Amino acid sequence: MASFRQRKIKRRSLASGSRPEARVAISIGQAAAAFIGLVILWTLIRAWRTGVIYTRGYSFDLEENPMLFTLASVVHGLGFAFCCYVAAGYPPADFLRLIVAD
């Protein structure tokens, strides 16, 4: 049987007609995606300022390899967009559907 205090709290919540506010919890995966997205953004900004982008041990200079520099920038931009999409709480599988929309 519920105590008098529990009944009183229950009556108050029913009388006010409002529910307790739902808190939005960020998962560890969302936080990791946000951090990785920030690292990718930092890499892109550094590449645009210096003219050199570093990818998996290789470096592409804007003056020597403009096409590879552009391709690496586009791939990094897509990676940043994916990380932002996942960090916002959307399912990762839907990102491809967003990119290749009918």
C-alpha atoms as a PDB file:
ATOM      1  CA  MET A   1       0.000   0.000   0.000  1.00  0.00           C
ATOM      2  CA  ALA A   2       1.261   3.461  -0.873  1.00  0.00           C
ATOM      3  CA  SER A   3       2.197   5.844   1.861  1.00  0.00           C
ATOM      4  CA  PHE A   4       0.427   9.160   2.408  1.00  0.00           C
ATOM      5  CA  ARG A   5       3.343  11.091   0.856  1.00  0.00           C
ATOM      6  CA  GLN A   6       3.282   9.010  -2.339  1.00  0.00           C
ATOM      7  CA  ARG A   7      -0.479   9.523  -2.688  1.00  0.00           C
ATOM      8  CA  LYS A   8      -0.081  13.270  -2.209  1.00  0.00           C
ATOM      9  CA  ILE A   9       2.608  13.478  -4.907  1.00  0.00           C
ATOM     10  CA  LYS A  10       0.472  11.389  -7.248  1.00  0.00           C
ATOM     11  CA  ARG A  11      -2.550  13.624  -6.718  1.00  0.00           C
ATOM     12  CA  ARG A  12      -0.490  16.748  -7.384  1.00  0.00           C
ATOM     13  CA  SER A  13       0.877  15.400 -10.647  1.00  0.00           C
ATOM     14  CA  LEU A  14      -2.577  14.335 -11.813  1.00  0.00           C
ATOM     15  CA  ALA A  15      -4.100  17.657 -10.825  1.00  0.00           C
ATOM     16  CA  SER A  16      -1.570  19.740 -12.694  1.00  0.00           C
ATOM     17  CA  GLY A  17      -2.044  17.677 -15.837  1.00  0.00           C
ATOM     18  CA  SER A  18       1.570  18.021 -16.822  1.00  0.00           C
ATOM     19  CA  ARG A  19       4.151  15.338 -17.159  1.00  0.00           C
ATOM     20  CA  PRO A  20       7.722  15.668 -15.972  1.00  0.00           C
ATOM     21  CA  GLU A  21       9.957  17.121 -18.659  1.00  0.00           C
ATOM     22  CA  ALA A  22      11.734  14.524 -20.739  1.00  0.00           C
ATOM     23  CA  ARG A  23      15.478  14.951 -20.770  1.00  0.00           C
ATOM     24  CA  VAL A  24      17.407  14.380 -23.931  1.00  0.00           C
ATOM     25  CA  ALA A  25      20.314  12.046 -23.349  1.00  0.00           C
ATOM     26  CA  ILE A  26      23.192  12.000 -25.775  1.00  0.00           C
ATOM     27  CA  SER A  27      24.601   8.541 -26.323  1.00  0.00           C
ATOM     28  CA  ILE A  28      28.287   7.755 -26.349  1.00  0.00           C
ATOM     29  CA  GLY A  29      28.072   7.057 -30.080  1.00  0.00           C
ATOM     30  CA  GLN A  30      26.648  10.498 -30.754  1.00  0.00           C
ATOM     31  CA  ALA A  31      29.367  12.140 -28.676  1.00  0.00           C
ATOM     32  CA  ALA A  32      32.060  10.141 -30.484  1.00  0.00           C
ATOM     33  CA  ALA A  33      30.591  11.088 -33.876  1.00  0.00           C
ATOM     34  CA  ALA A  34      30.538  14.749 -32.870  1.00  0.00           C
ATOM     35  CA  PHE A  35      34.178  14.583 -31.763  1.00  0.00           C
ATOM     36  CA  ILE A  36      35.275  12.828 -34.964  1.00  0.00           C
ATOM     37  CA  GLY A  37      33.314  15.391 -36.987  1.00  0.00           C
ATOM     38  CA  LEU A  38      35.141  18.229 -35.239  1.00  0.00           C
ATOM     39  CA  VAL A  39      38.494  16.578 -35.965  1.00  0.00           C
ATOM     40  CA  ILE A  40      37.567  16.207 -39.647  1.00  0.00           C
ATOM     41  CA  LEU A  41      36.440  19.843 -39.774  1.00  0.00           C
ATOM     42  CA  TRP A  42      39.720  20.942 -38.188  1.00  0.00           C
ATOM     43  CA  THR A  43      41.604  18.868 -40.787  1.00  0.00           C
ATOM     44  CA  LEU A  44      39.654  20.496 -43.622  1.00  0.00           C
ATOM     45  CA  ILE A  45      40.223  24.026 -42.343  1.00  0.00           C
ATOM     46  CA  ARG A  46      43.931  23.333 -41.918  1.00  0.00           C
ATOM     47  CA  ALA A  47      44.084  21.884 -45.449  1.00  0.00           C
ATOM     48  CA  TRP A  48      42.302  24.872 -46.976  1.00  0.00           C
ATOM     49  CA  ARG A  49      44.604  27.308 -45.185  1.00  0.00           C
ATOM     50  CA  THR A  50      47.888  25.544 -45.968  1.00  0.00           C
ATOM     51  CA  GLY A  51      47.033  23.964 -49.313  1.00  0.00           C
ATOM     52  CA  VAL A  52      48.098  20.492 -48.153  1.00  0.00           C
ATOM     53  CA  ILE A  53      45.717  17.734 -47.043  1.00  0.00           C
ATOM     54  CA  TYR A  54      46.926  14.653 -45.214  1.00  0.00           C
ATOM     55  CA  THR A  55      45.122  11.355 -45.783  1.00  0.00           C
ATOM     56  CA  ARG A  56      46.286   7.996 -44.403  1.00  0.00           C
ATOM     57  CA  GLY A  57      49.969   8.866 -44.487  1.00  0.00           C
ATOM     58  CA  TYR A  58      49.840  10.596 -47.866  1.00  0.00           C
ATOM     59  CA  SER A  59      49.825  14.307 -48.456  1.00  0.00           C
ATOM     60  CA  PHE A  60      48.241  16.009 -51.432  1.00  0.00           C
ATOM     61  CA  ASP A  61      49.420  19.483 -52.300  1.00  0.00           C
ATOM     62  CA  LEU A  62      47.022  21.870 -53.993  1.00  0.00           C
ATOM     63  CA  GLU A  63      49.728  23.115 -56.360  1.00  0.00           C
ATOM     64  CA  GLU A  64      51.084  19.681 -57.368  1.00  0.00           C
ATOM     65  CA  ASN A  65      47.932  17.514 -57.326  1.00  0.00           C
ATOM     66  CA  PRO A  66      44.846  19.723 -57.494  1.00  0.00           C
ATOM     67  CA  MET A  67      42.502  16.869 -58.474  1.00  0.00           C
ATOM     68  CA  LEU A  68      43.635  14.609 -55.630  1.00  0.00           C
ATOM     69  CA  PHE A  69      43.478  17.524 -53.200  1.00  0.00           C
ATOM     70  CA  THR A  70      39.908  18.240 -54.322  1.00  0.00           C
ATOM     71  CA  LEU A  71      38.909  14.574 -54.141  1.00  0.00           C
ATOM     72  CA  ALA A  72      40.355  14.223 -50.643  1.00  0.00           C
ATOM     73  CA  SER A  73      38.550  17.415 -49.592  1.00  0.00           C
ATOM     74  CA  VAL A  74      35.228  16.118 -50.932  1.00  0.00           C
ATOM     75  CA  VAL A  75      35.691  12.775 -49.154  1.00  0.00           C
ATOM     76  CA  HIS A  76      36.556  14.553 -45.911  1.00  0.00           C
ATOM     77  CA  GLY A  77      33.502  16.783 -46.376  1.00  0.00           C
ATOM     78  CA  LEU A  78      31.268  13.732 -46.797  1.00  0.00           C
ATOM     79  CA  GLY A  79      32.815  12.227 -43.673  1.00  0.00           C
ATOM     80  CA  PHE A  80      32.086  15.431 -41.779  1.00  0.00           C
ATOM     81  CA  ALA A  81      28.480  15.447 -43.029  1.00  0.00           C
ATOM     82  CA  PHE A  82      28.068  11.811 -41.971  1.00  0.00           C
ATOM     83  CA  CYS A  83      29.428  12.511 -38.495  1.00  0.00           C
ATOM     84  CA  CYS A  84      27.093  15.495 -38.091  1.00  0.00           C
ATOM     85  CA  TYR A  85      24.156  13.364 -39.254  1.00  0.00           C
ATOM     86  CA  VAL A  86      24.921  10.629 -36.730  1.00  0.00           C
ATOM     87  CA  ALA A  87      25.675  13.120 -33.945  1.00  0.00           C
ATOM     88  CA  ALA A  88      22.246  14.674 -34.497  1.00  0.00           C
ATOM     89  CA  GLY A  89      20.692  11.330 -33.580  1.00  0.00           C
ATOM     90  CA  TYR A  90      19.700   9.977 -36.968  1.00  0.00           C
ATOM     91  CA  PRO A  91      20.412   6.352 -37.882  1.00  0.00           C
ATOM     92  CA  PRO A  92      23.642   5.896 -39.872  1.00  0.00           C
ATOM     93  CA  ALA A  93      21.974   3.625 -42.432  1.00  0.00           C
ATOM     94  CA  ASP A  94      19.688   6.452 -43.566  1.00  0.00           C
ATOM     95  CA  PHE A  95      22.612   8.676 -44.561  1.00  0.00           C
ATOM     96  CA  LEU A  96      23.115   6.867 -47.863  1.00  0.00           C
ATOM     97  CA  ARG A  97      19.414   7.210 -48.630  1.00  0.00           C
ATOM     98  CA  LEU A  98      19.717  10.937 -47.955  1.00  0.00           C
ATOM     99  CA  ILE A  99      22.655  11.286 -50.357  1.00  0.00           C
ATOM    100  CA  VAL A 100      21.234   9.070 -53.115  1.00  0.00           C
ATOM    101  CA  ALA A 101      17.644  10.303 -52.953  1.00  0.00           C
ATOM    102  CA  ASP A 102      15.289   9.415 -55.785  1.00  0.00           C
END
